[in-house]
Amino acid sequence: MRPLRSTTRALVLAIAAAIAVFAAKPAFAVLSATATITTPQTSAPFNYTVNLHNTGTTDIGTFWFAWTATPANYDFLPTMPTNVVAPSGWIAPITHNGFPGDGYGIEWYNYTGSNIAAGQSQNFTFTSNDSPATIAGNAWFPGNKVSTSFVYIGFPQTDPGLKFDVQVVPEPTGALVSAAVAGFALLSKHRCPSR
């Protein structure tokens, strides 16, 4: 009788384990990102740095700047970027469909390097004659900003991706810093004397 009890116990444990496995909800990786673009220049050409931060739970293997896949492949930078620099092992072709009105995009993607892991950030740089105001503005295709971009887990367009807008962040320039210092000096000159 003892072998029957061990067999029954083993069968009950196996059934319980199978139920636990099939009843558990699958865990899905979340693709999420934020990005900012900055430049220290106040006139063209502008040397831009885009800082992409992976806020999701999966890797990012593609960052396609100034571009959208929906409703079609459209590029938004009005002028062609130059001096495009990719992280080690990534490549950065400039995209342009050539039809009237289409602009330019930068398709940074990992070819032989490392993806951007969850919680990590990566810088991407390029030069453009497009001002920060232009990049922050509306794109030629309604419902998009010039800074509209996509990220993908792997190679471009191999997963649904995530569409988002890169935020244009103005940096203080030398002229603005000098003006602020002069303003503080002027204020301190006109203070009431202490008694």
N, C-alpha and C. Protein backbone atom coordinates (compact mmCIF):
# COMPACT_ATOMS: atom_id res chain seq x y z
N MET A 1 0.82 -1.20 0.00
CA MET A 1 0.00 0.00 0.00
C MET A 1 0.86 1.26 0.00
N ARG A 2 2.04 1.18 0.61
CA ARG A 2 2.92 2.33 0.70
C ARG A 2 3.31 2.86 -0.69
N PRO A 3 3.68 2.02 -1.68
CA PRO A 3 4.05 2.56 -3.00
C PRO A 3 2.90 3.33 -3.65
N LEU A 4 1.67 2.93 -3.40
CA LEU A 4 0.53 3.62 -3.98
C LEU A 4 0.41 5.04 -3.43
N ARG A 5 0.67 5.19 -2.12
CA ARG A 5 0.62 6.52 -1.53
C ARG A 5 1.68 7.43 -2.14
N SER A 6 2.92 6.95 -2.32
CA SER A 6 3.95 7.79 -2.92
C SER A 6 3.62 8.11 -4.37
N THR A 7 3.06 7.19 -5.08
CA THR A 7 2.68 7.44 -6.46
C THR A 7 1.56 8.47 -6.50
N THR A 8 0.58 8.36 -5.63
CA THR A 8 -0.52 9.30 -5.57
C THR A 8 -0.01 10.69 -5.22
N ARG A 9 0.87 10.74 -4.23
CA ARG A 9 1.44 12.02 -3.82
C ARG A 9 2.22 12.67 -4.97
N ALA A 10 3.02 11.88 -5.67
CA ALA A 10 3.80 12.41 -6.79
C ALA A 10 2.87 12.91 -7.90
N LEU A 11 1.78 12.16 -8.14
CA LEU A 11 0.82 12.56 -9.18
C LEU A 11 0.12 13.87 -8.79
N VAL A 12 -0.28 14.00 -7.54
CA VAL A 12 -0.93 15.21 -7.06
C VAL A 12 0.02 16.40 -7.17
N LEU A 13 1.28 16.22 -6.79
CA LEU A 13 2.27 17.30 -6.90
C LEU A 13 2.51 17.69 -8.36
N ALA A 14 2.58 16.73 -9.24
CA ALA A 14 2.78 17.02 -10.66
C ALA A 14 1.60 17.79 -11.23
N ILE A 15 0.37 17.39 -10.85
CA ILE A 15 -0.81 18.10 -11.33
C ILE A 15 -0.84 19.53 -10.79
N ALA A 16 -0.49 19.70 -9.51
CA ALA A 16 -0.47 21.04 -8.91
C ALA A 16 0.57 21.92 -9.60
N ALA A 17 1.73 21.35 -9.90
CA ALA A 17 2.78 22.13 -10.59
C ALA A 17 2.32 22.54 -11.98
N ALA A 18 1.65 21.61 -12.69
CA ALA A 18 1.17 21.93 -14.04
C ALA A 18 0.11 23.02 -14.00
N ILE A 19 -0.78 22.97 -13.02
CA ILE A 19 -1.81 24.00 -12.88
C ILE A 19 -1.16 25.35 -12.59
N ALA A 20 -0.15 25.37 -11.72
CA ALA A 20 0.53 26.62 -11.38
C ALA A 20 1.21 27.23 -12.61
N VAL A 21 1.82 26.38 -13.43
CA VAL A 21 2.50 26.87 -14.63
C VAL A 21 1.51 27.43 -15.64
N PHE A 22 0.42 26.72 -15.88
CA PHE A 22 -0.54 27.16 -16.89
C PHE A 22 -1.44 28.29 -16.41
N ALA A 23 -1.64 28.40 -15.10
CA ALA A 23 -2.50 29.45 -14.56
C ALA A 23 -1.76 30.77 -14.41
N ALA A 24 -0.44 30.72 -14.35
CA ALA A 24 0.33 31.96 -14.17
C ALA A 24 0.21 32.82 -15.42
N LYS A 25 0.06 34.13 -15.20
CA LYS A 25 -0.01 35.05 -16.32
C LYS A 25 1.39 35.24 -16.89
N PRO A 26 1.52 35.25 -18.22
CA PRO A 26 2.84 35.45 -18.80
C PRO A 26 3.35 36.86 -18.52
N ALA A 27 4.65 36.97 -18.29
CA ALA A 27 5.27 38.28 -18.07
C ALA A 27 5.72 38.82 -19.42
N PHE A 28 5.29 40.04 -19.73
CA PHE A 28 5.66 40.65 -21.00
C PHE A 28 6.66 41.77 -20.75
N ALA A 29 7.64 41.85 -21.61
CA ALA A 29 8.60 42.94 -21.52
C ALA A 29 7.92 44.23 -21.98
N VAL A 30 8.27 45.33 -21.34
CA VAL A 30 7.68 46.62 -21.67
C VAL A 30 8.73 47.48 -22.36
N LEU A 31 8.39 47.97 -23.55
CA LEU A 31 9.26 48.88 -24.28
C LEU A 31 8.83 50.30 -23.96
N SER A 32 9.73 51.08 -23.36
CA SER A 32 9.41 52.45 -22.97
C SER A 32 10.70 53.26 -22.97
N ALA A 33 10.59 54.52 -23.37
CA ALA A 33 11.78 55.37 -23.44
C ALA A 33 11.40 56.84 -23.35
N THR A 34 12.36 57.65 -22.90
CA THR A 34 12.27 59.10 -22.97
C THR A 34 13.57 59.60 -23.56
N ALA A 35 13.54 60.80 -24.12
CA ALA A 35 14.77 61.36 -24.69
C ALA A 35 14.70 62.87 -24.67
N THR A 36 15.88 63.48 -24.54
CA THR A 36 16.00 64.93 -24.64
C THR A 36 17.06 65.25 -25.69
N ILE A 37 16.89 66.40 -26.33
CA ILE A 37 17.87 66.87 -27.31
C ILE A 37 18.33 68.26 -26.90
N THR A 38 19.64 68.48 -26.92
CA THR A 38 20.22 69.75 -26.50
C THR A 38 21.29 70.20 -27.49
N THR A 39 21.55 71.50 -27.48
CA THR A 39 22.65 72.07 -28.24
C THR A 39 23.15 73.31 -27.52
N PRO A 40 24.45 73.55 -27.50
CA PRO A 40 24.97 74.78 -26.89
C PRO A 40 24.98 75.96 -27.87
N GLN A 41 24.76 75.72 -29.16
CA GLN A 41 24.82 76.78 -30.17
C GLN A 41 23.54 77.62 -30.19
N THR A 42 23.71 78.90 -30.56
CA THR A 42 22.56 79.79 -30.72
C THR A 42 22.30 80.10 -32.19
N SER A 43 23.16 79.63 -33.07
CA SER A 43 22.95 79.81 -34.50
C SER A 43 23.51 78.60 -35.24
N ALA A 44 23.05 78.42 -36.47
CA ALA A 44 23.47 77.26 -37.27
C ALA A 44 24.95 77.35 -37.63
N PRO A 45 25.61 76.22 -37.76
CA PRO A 45 25.10 74.87 -37.56
C PRO A 45 25.00 74.52 -36.07
N PHE A 46 24.00 73.68 -35.73
CA PHE A 46 23.75 73.27 -34.36
C PHE A 46 24.31 71.86 -34.15
N ASN A 47 25.13 71.68 -33.14
CA ASN A 47 25.65 70.36 -32.77
C ASN A 47 24.73 69.81 -31.69
N TYR A 48 23.96 68.79 -32.05
CA TYR A 48 22.95 68.25 -31.14
C TYR A 48 23.43 66.98 -30.44
N THR A 49 23.01 66.84 -29.19
CA THR A 49 23.18 65.59 -28.44
C THR A 49 21.79 65.13 -28.02
N VAL A 50 21.46 63.91 -28.39
CA VAL A 50 20.20 63.31 -27.96
C VAL A 50 20.55 62.28 -26.89
N ASN A 51 19.97 62.43 -25.70
CA ASN A 51 20.16 61.46 -24.63
C ASN A 51 18.90 60.61 -24.55
N LEU A 52 19.06 59.34 -24.91
CA LEU A 52 17.94 58.38 -24.89
C LEU A 52 18.03 57.56 -23.62
N HIS A 53 16.93 57.53 -22.85
CA HIS A 53 16.89 56.76 -21.60
C HIS A 53 15.87 55.65 -21.73
N ASN A 54 16.31 54.41 -21.49
CA ASN A 54 15.43 53.25 -21.54
C ASN A 54 14.66 53.16 -20.22
N THR A 55 13.38 53.50 -20.24
CA THR A 55 12.54 53.47 -19.04
C THR A 55 11.70 52.19 -18.98
N GLY A 56 11.94 51.26 -19.89
CA GLY A 56 11.17 50.02 -19.93
C GLY A 56 11.87 48.87 -19.22
N THR A 57 11.40 47.66 -19.54
CA THR A 57 11.96 46.45 -18.92
C THR A 57 12.63 45.54 -19.94
N THR A 58 12.82 46.04 -21.15
CA THR A 58 13.49 45.27 -22.19
C THR A 58 14.54 46.14 -22.86
N ASP A 59 15.43 45.52 -23.62
CA ASP A 59 16.49 46.26 -24.32
C ASP A 59 15.92 47.13 -25.43
N ILE A 60 16.72 48.13 -25.80
CA ILE A 60 16.44 48.93 -27.00
C ILE A 60 17.59 48.71 -27.96
N GLY A 61 17.26 48.29 -29.18
CA GLY A 61 18.28 48.03 -30.20
C GLY A 61 18.22 48.99 -31.37
N THR A 62 17.16 49.82 -31.43
CA THR A 62 17.01 50.81 -32.50
C THR A 62 16.44 52.10 -31.94
N PHE A 63 17.02 53.22 -32.37
CA PHE A 63 16.47 54.55 -32.08
C PHE A 63 16.40 55.28 -33.41
N TRP A 64 15.17 55.51 -33.89
CA TRP A 64 14.97 56.15 -35.20
C TRP A 64 14.42 57.53 -34.95
N PHE A 65 15.28 58.55 -35.13
CA PHE A 65 14.98 59.93 -34.79
C PHE A 65 14.35 60.68 -35.96
N ALA A 66 13.35 61.53 -35.65
CA ALA A 66 12.66 62.39 -36.63
C ALA A 66 12.02 61.55 -37.74
N TRP A 67 11.27 60.55 -37.30
CA TRP A 67 10.70 59.57 -38.23
C TRP A 67 9.48 58.92 -37.60
N THR A 68 8.54 58.50 -38.42
CA THR A 68 7.42 57.70 -37.94
C THR A 68 7.11 56.57 -38.91
N ALA A 69 6.63 55.47 -38.35
CA ALA A 69 6.20 54.33 -39.16
C ALA A 69 4.70 54.37 -39.43
N THR A 70 4.00 55.27 -38.73
CA THR A 70 2.55 55.32 -38.87
C THR A 70 2.09 56.69 -39.35
N PRO A 71 1.32 56.81 -40.37
CA PRO A 71 0.70 55.76 -41.16
C PRO A 71 1.61 55.19 -42.24
N ALA A 72 2.73 55.85 -42.48
CA ALA A 72 3.72 55.36 -43.45
C ALA A 72 5.09 55.80 -42.97
N ASN A 73 6.13 55.42 -43.68
CA ASN A 73 7.49 55.79 -43.31
C ASN A 73 7.77 57.23 -43.74
N TYR A 74 7.66 58.17 -42.78
CA TYR A 74 7.87 59.58 -43.06
C TYR A 74 9.04 60.10 -42.23
N ASP A 75 9.87 60.96 -42.85
CA ASP A 75 11.01 61.60 -42.20
C ASP A 75 10.69 63.07 -41.98
N PHE A 76 11.21 63.67 -40.87
CA PHE A 76 10.75 65.01 -40.49
C PHE A 76 11.78 66.12 -40.41
N LEU A 77 13.09 65.82 -40.36
CA LEU A 77 14.08 66.92 -40.32
C LEU A 77 14.04 67.65 -41.66
N PRO A 78 13.86 68.98 -41.67
CA PRO A 78 13.79 69.70 -42.94
C PRO A 78 15.09 69.66 -43.75
N THR A 79 16.25 69.66 -43.07
CA THR A 79 17.53 69.61 -43.80
C THR A 79 18.31 68.36 -43.42
N MET A 80 19.17 67.93 -44.33
CA MET A 80 19.92 66.70 -44.10
C MET A 80 20.94 66.87 -42.98
N PRO A 81 20.93 65.98 -41.95
CA PRO A 81 21.90 66.08 -40.88
C PRO A 81 23.29 65.64 -41.35
N THR A 82 24.32 66.14 -40.66
CA THR A 82 25.70 65.76 -40.95
C THR A 82 26.37 65.34 -39.64
N ASN A 83 27.60 64.88 -39.74
CA ASN A 83 28.40 64.50 -38.57
C ASN A 83 27.62 63.59 -37.61
N VAL A 84 26.90 62.65 -38.17
CA VAL A 84 26.09 61.73 -37.36
C VAL A 84 27.03 60.72 -36.71
N VAL A 85 26.97 60.61 -35.38
CA VAL A 85 27.83 59.70 -34.64
C VAL A 85 26.97 58.67 -33.93
N ALA A 86 27.35 57.40 -34.09
CA ALA A 86 26.63 56.29 -33.47
C ALA A 86 27.47 55.70 -32.35
N PRO A 87 26.82 55.12 -31.35
CA PRO A 87 27.58 54.41 -30.31
C PRO A 87 28.39 53.26 -30.93
N SER A 88 29.38 52.78 -30.22
CA SER A 88 30.22 51.69 -30.71
C SER A 88 29.38 50.47 -31.09
N GLY A 89 29.57 49.98 -32.31
CA GLY A 89 28.83 48.82 -32.79
C GLY A 89 27.47 49.13 -33.37
N TRP A 90 27.07 50.40 -33.34
CA TRP A 90 25.80 50.82 -33.94
C TRP A 90 26.11 51.49 -35.28
N ILE A 91 25.13 51.51 -36.17
CA ILE A 91 25.27 52.25 -37.42
C ILE A 91 24.15 53.28 -37.49
N ALA A 92 24.30 54.26 -38.39
CA ALA A 92 23.36 55.38 -38.41
C ALA A 92 23.09 55.88 -39.82
N PRO A 93 22.36 55.10 -40.63
CA PRO A 93 22.02 55.62 -41.95
C PRO A 93 21.02 56.78 -41.84
N ILE A 94 21.17 57.73 -42.75
CA ILE A 94 20.21 58.83 -42.85
C ILE A 94 19.10 58.36 -43.78
N THR A 95 17.85 58.54 -43.35
CA THR A 95 16.73 58.09 -44.15
C THR A 95 16.06 59.27 -44.84
N HIS A 96 15.60 59.03 -46.06
CA HIS A 96 14.92 60.05 -46.86
C HIS A 96 14.23 59.32 -48.00
N ASN A 97 12.92 59.45 -48.07
CA ASN A 97 12.16 58.71 -49.09
C ASN A 97 12.22 59.36 -50.47
N GLY A 98 12.53 60.65 -50.52
CA GLY A 98 12.67 61.30 -51.81
C GLY A 98 11.40 61.85 -52.41
N PHE A 99 10.24 61.58 -51.82
CA PHE A 99 9.03 62.15 -52.40
C PHE A 99 8.87 63.60 -51.93
N PRO A 100 8.13 64.42 -52.68
CA PRO A 100 7.99 65.83 -52.31
C PRO A 100 7.47 66.01 -50.88
N GLY A 101 8.13 66.89 -50.14
CA GLY A 101 7.73 67.17 -48.77
C GLY A 101 8.41 66.34 -47.72
N ASP A 102 8.94 65.15 -48.10
CA ASP A 102 9.59 64.30 -47.10
C ASP A 102 10.90 64.92 -46.66
N GLY A 103 11.22 64.76 -45.38
CA GLY A 103 12.46 65.29 -44.84
C GLY A 103 13.50 64.21 -44.67
N TYR A 104 14.21 64.27 -43.53
CA TYR A 104 15.29 63.35 -43.23
C TYR A 104 15.12 62.80 -41.82
N GLY A 105 15.57 61.57 -41.62
CA GLY A 105 15.58 60.94 -40.31
C GLY A 105 16.93 60.29 -40.08
N ILE A 106 17.20 59.90 -38.85
CA ILE A 106 18.45 59.19 -38.53
C ILE A 106 18.06 57.87 -37.88
N GLU A 107 18.47 56.78 -38.51
CA GLU A 107 18.10 55.43 -38.08
C GLU A 107 19.28 54.78 -37.35
N TRP A 108 19.46 55.13 -36.08
CA TRP A 108 20.53 54.51 -35.29
C TRP A 108 20.08 53.11 -34.87
N TYR A 109 20.91 52.08 -35.18
CA TYR A 109 20.57 50.76 -34.66
C TYR A 109 21.83 49.93 -34.41
N ASN A 110 21.67 49.02 -33.44
CA ASN A 110 22.77 48.17 -33.02
C ASN A 110 23.04 47.11 -34.07
N TYR A 111 24.29 47.06 -34.53
CA TYR A 111 24.68 46.06 -35.52
C TYR A 111 25.59 45.01 -34.91
N THR A 112 26.63 45.47 -34.20
CA THR A 112 27.57 44.53 -33.56
C THR A 112 27.91 44.95 -32.13
N GLY A 113 27.23 45.96 -31.62
CA GLY A 113 27.54 46.47 -30.29
C GLY A 113 26.58 45.93 -29.24
N SER A 114 26.26 46.77 -28.28
CA SER A 114 25.35 46.38 -27.20
C SER A 114 24.06 47.19 -27.27
N ASN A 115 22.96 46.52 -26.99
CA ASN A 115 21.69 47.21 -26.88
C ASN A 115 21.71 48.10 -25.65
N ILE A 116 20.75 49.00 -25.56
CA ILE A 116 20.60 49.85 -24.38
C ILE A 116 19.71 49.07 -23.41
N ALA A 117 20.29 48.66 -22.29
CA ALA A 117 19.56 47.84 -21.32
C ALA A 117 18.55 48.67 -20.56
N ALA A 118 17.59 48.00 -19.94
CA ALA A 118 16.57 48.67 -19.12
C ALA A 118 17.26 49.51 -18.05
N GLY A 119 16.81 50.75 -17.92
CA GLY A 119 17.37 51.66 -16.92
C GLY A 119 18.62 52.40 -17.36
N GLN A 120 19.15 52.09 -18.53
CA GLN A 120 20.39 52.72 -19.01
C GLN A 120 20.08 53.84 -20.02
N SER A 121 21.10 54.68 -20.27
CA SER A 121 20.97 55.79 -21.23
C SER A 121 22.10 55.71 -22.24
N GLN A 122 21.89 56.36 -23.38
CA GLN A 122 22.91 56.42 -24.42
C GLN A 122 22.80 57.76 -25.13
N ASN A 123 23.94 58.36 -25.49
CA ASN A 123 23.96 59.61 -26.25
C ASN A 123 24.15 59.34 -27.73
N PHE A 124 23.47 60.15 -28.54
CA PHE A 124 23.56 60.11 -30.00
C PHE A 124 23.78 61.55 -30.44
N THR A 125 24.68 61.79 -31.41
CA THR A 125 24.97 63.16 -31.81
C THR A 125 24.88 63.34 -33.32
N PHE A 126 24.59 64.59 -33.70
CA PHE A 126 24.55 64.95 -35.12
C PHE A 126 24.60 66.48 -35.21
N THR A 127 24.85 66.98 -36.41
CA THR A 127 24.86 68.41 -36.68
C THR A 127 23.75 68.71 -37.68
N SER A 128 23.09 69.86 -37.49
CA SER A 128 21.99 70.23 -38.39
C SER A 128 21.87 71.74 -38.48
N ASN A 129 21.37 72.21 -39.60
CA ASN A 129 21.02 73.63 -39.74
C ASN A 129 19.63 73.92 -39.20
N ASP A 130 18.90 72.87 -38.80
CA ASP A 130 17.56 73.05 -38.22
C ASP A 130 17.71 73.52 -36.77
N SER A 131 17.03 74.60 -36.44
CA SER A 131 17.14 75.20 -35.10
C SER A 131 16.38 74.36 -34.07
N PRO A 132 16.67 74.57 -32.78
CA PRO A 132 15.89 73.89 -31.74
C PRO A 132 14.39 74.18 -31.85
N ALA A 133 14.03 75.42 -32.22
CA ALA A 133 12.61 75.77 -32.39
C ALA A 133 11.98 74.95 -33.51
N THR A 134 12.73 74.73 -34.59
CA THR A 134 12.23 73.91 -35.69
C THR A 134 12.03 72.47 -35.23
N ILE A 135 13.01 71.91 -34.51
CA ILE A 135 12.92 70.52 -34.06
C ILE A 135 11.79 70.35 -33.05
N ALA A 136 11.52 71.38 -32.25
CA ALA A 136 10.43 71.31 -31.27
C ALA A 136 9.07 71.52 -31.92
N GLY A 137 9.05 72.00 -33.16
CA GLY A 137 7.80 72.35 -33.83
C GLY A 137 7.10 71.18 -34.48
N ASN A 138 6.00 71.50 -35.13
CA ASN A 138 5.20 70.49 -35.82
C ASN A 138 5.87 70.05 -37.11
N ALA A 139 5.74 68.76 -37.41
CA ALA A 139 6.27 68.19 -38.64
C ALA A 139 5.33 68.51 -39.80
N TRP A 140 5.80 68.25 -41.01
CA TRP A 140 4.99 68.52 -42.19
C TRP A 140 3.77 67.59 -42.24
N PHE A 141 3.85 66.42 -41.61
CA PHE A 141 2.70 65.52 -41.60
C PHE A 141 1.93 65.74 -40.31
N PRO A 142 0.63 66.09 -40.39
CA PRO A 142 -0.17 66.44 -39.21
C PRO A 142 -0.12 65.37 -38.11
N GLY A 143 -0.14 65.86 -36.87
CA GLY A 143 -0.15 64.98 -35.72
C GLY A 143 1.21 64.51 -35.27
N ASN A 144 2.26 65.04 -35.88
CA ASN A 144 3.63 64.67 -35.52
C ASN A 144 4.47 65.92 -35.28
N LYS A 145 5.45 65.79 -34.40
CA LYS A 145 6.47 66.82 -34.20
C LYS A 145 7.66 66.45 -35.09
N VAL A 146 8.54 67.41 -35.34
CA VAL A 146 9.78 67.09 -36.05
C VAL A 146 10.57 66.08 -35.22
N SER A 147 10.46 66.17 -33.89
CA SER A 147 11.21 65.29 -32.99
C SER A 147 10.55 63.93 -32.77
N THR A 148 9.43 63.65 -33.44
CA THR A 148 8.77 62.35 -33.30
C THR A 148 9.76 61.25 -33.67
N SER A 149 9.84 60.21 -32.85
CA SER A 149 10.82 59.14 -33.05
C SER A 149 10.23 57.80 -32.65
N PHE A 150 10.97 56.75 -32.98
CA PHE A 150 10.59 55.38 -32.62
C PHE A 150 11.78 54.68 -31.98
N VAL A 151 11.49 53.77 -31.05
CA VAL A 151 12.50 52.82 -30.57
C VAL A 151 11.95 51.42 -30.82
N TYR A 152 12.88 50.48 -31.03
CA TYR A 152 12.54 49.08 -31.22
C TYR A 152 13.43 48.23 -30.32
N ILE A 153 12.94 47.06 -29.95
CA ILE A 153 13.73 46.15 -29.12
C ILE A 153 14.95 45.66 -29.88
N GLY A 154 14.76 45.31 -31.15
CA GLY A 154 15.84 44.77 -31.96
C GLY A 154 16.10 45.65 -33.18
N PHE A 155 16.24 44.99 -34.33
CA PHE A 155 16.46 45.71 -35.57
C PHE A 155 15.22 46.54 -35.92
N PRO A 156 15.38 47.57 -36.75
CA PRO A 156 14.26 48.44 -37.11
C PRO A 156 13.07 47.66 -37.68
N GLN A 157 11.90 47.96 -37.18
CA GLN A 157 10.63 47.43 -37.67
C GLN A 157 10.49 45.91 -37.55
N THR A 158 11.21 45.30 -36.60
CA THR A 158 11.07 43.85 -36.38
C THR A 158 10.15 43.55 -35.20
N ASP A 159 9.67 44.59 -34.52
CA ASP A 159 8.68 44.45 -33.46
C ASP A 159 7.78 45.68 -33.54
N PRO A 160 6.69 45.75 -32.78
CA PRO A 160 5.77 46.89 -32.92
C PRO A 160 6.41 48.25 -32.63
N GLY A 161 7.44 48.30 -31.79
CA GLY A 161 8.11 49.56 -31.50
C GLY A 161 7.29 50.48 -30.61
N LEU A 162 7.88 51.62 -30.31
CA LEU A 162 7.24 52.64 -29.49
C LEU A 162 7.47 54.00 -30.12
N LYS A 163 6.39 54.73 -30.35
CA LYS A 163 6.46 56.08 -30.90
C LYS A 163 6.42 57.08 -29.76
N PHE A 164 7.30 58.09 -29.78
CA PHE A 164 7.31 59.13 -28.75
C PHE A 164 7.99 60.37 -29.30
N ASP A 165 7.84 61.50 -28.59
CA ASP A 165 8.48 62.75 -29.00
C ASP A 165 9.71 63.01 -28.13
N VAL A 166 10.82 63.31 -28.77
CA VAL A 166 12.03 63.72 -28.06
C VAL A 166 11.82 65.16 -27.60
N GLN A 167 12.12 65.44 -26.35
CA GLN A 167 11.91 66.78 -25.78
C GLN A 167 13.11 67.67 -26.06
N VAL A 168 12.87 68.85 -26.61
CA VAL A 168 13.94 69.82 -26.87
C VAL A 168 14.18 70.60 -25.59
N VAL A 169 15.41 70.55 -25.10
CA VAL A 169 15.77 71.23 -23.85
C VAL A 169 16.76 72.33 -24.16
N PRO A 170 16.38 73.59 -23.95
CA PRO A 170 17.35 74.66 -24.20
C PRO A 170 18.43 74.65 -23.13
N GLU A 171 19.68 74.79 -23.54
CA GLU A 171 20.80 74.88 -22.60
C GLU A 171 21.19 76.34 -22.46
N PRO A 172 21.66 76.75 -21.27
CA PRO A 172 22.13 78.13 -21.14
C PRO A 172 23.36 78.34 -22.02
N THR A 173 23.39 79.47 -22.68
CA THR A 173 24.54 79.78 -23.52
C THR A 173 25.41 80.80 -22.79
N GLY A 174 26.58 81.03 -23.30
CA GLY A 174 27.48 82.01 -22.69
C GLY A 174 26.83 83.37 -22.57
N ALA A 175 26.08 83.81 -23.58
CA ALA A 175 25.44 85.12 -23.54
C ALA A 175 24.39 85.17 -22.44
N LEU A 176 23.60 84.10 -22.30
CA LEU A 176 22.59 84.08 -21.26
C LEU A 176 23.21 84.07 -19.87
N VAL A 177 24.28 83.31 -19.69
CA VAL A 177 24.95 83.26 -18.40
C VAL A 177 25.53 84.63 -18.07
N SER A 178 26.15 85.29 -19.05
CA SER A 178 26.72 86.62 -18.83
C SER A 178 25.62 87.61 -18.46
N ALA A 179 24.48 87.55 -19.13
CA ALA A 179 23.37 88.45 -18.83
C ALA A 179 22.84 88.20 -17.41
N ALA A 180 22.78 86.94 -17.00
CA ALA A 180 22.31 86.63 -15.65
C ALA A 180 23.28 87.17 -14.60
N VAL A 181 24.58 87.01 -14.84
CA VAL A 181 25.58 87.52 -13.91
C VAL A 181 25.49 89.04 -13.82
N ALA A 182 25.34 89.71 -14.96
CA ALA A 182 25.23 91.17 -14.97
C ALA A 182 23.97 91.61 -14.23
N GLY A 183 22.88 90.87 -14.39
CA GLY A 183 21.63 91.19 -13.70
C GLY A 183 21.78 91.06 -12.19
N PHE A 184 22.46 90.02 -11.74
CA PHE A 184 22.68 89.85 -10.30
C PHE A 184 23.59 90.95 -9.75
N ALA A 185 24.59 91.34 -10.53
CA ALA A 185 25.49 92.41 -10.08
C ALA A 185 24.72 93.72 -9.95
N LEU A 186 23.83 93.99 -10.90
CA LEU A 186 23.03 95.20 -10.87
C LEU A 186 22.08 95.21 -9.67
N LEU A 187 21.47 94.08 -9.41
CA LEU A 187 20.57 93.97 -8.26
C LEU A 187 21.32 94.19 -6.94
N SER A 188 22.51 93.62 -6.83
CA SER A 188 23.26 93.77 -5.57
C SER A 188 23.72 95.21 -5.38
N LYS A 189 23.93 95.95 -6.45
CA LYS A 189 24.34 97.35 -6.37
C LYS A 189 23.22 98.22 -5.81
N HIS A 190 21.97 97.86 -6.15
CA HIS A 190 20.82 98.69 -5.76
C HIS A 190 20.16 98.22 -4.46
N ARG A 191 20.77 97.34 -3.75
CA ARG A 191 20.22 96.88 -2.47
C ARG A 191 20.31 98.00 -1.45
N CYS A 192 19.37 97.99 -0.55
CA CYS A 192 19.40 98.97 0.54
C CYS A 192 20.57 98.64 1.47
N PRO A 193 21.29 99.63 1.94
CA PRO A 193 22.40 99.33 2.85
C PRO A 193 21.87 98.76 4.15
N SER A 194 22.61 97.85 4.71
CA SER A 194 22.18 97.26 5.97
C SER A 194 22.44 98.19 7.12
N ARG A 195 21.62 98.11 8.15
CA ARG A 195 21.77 99.03 9.30
C ARG A 195 22.42 98.35 10.43
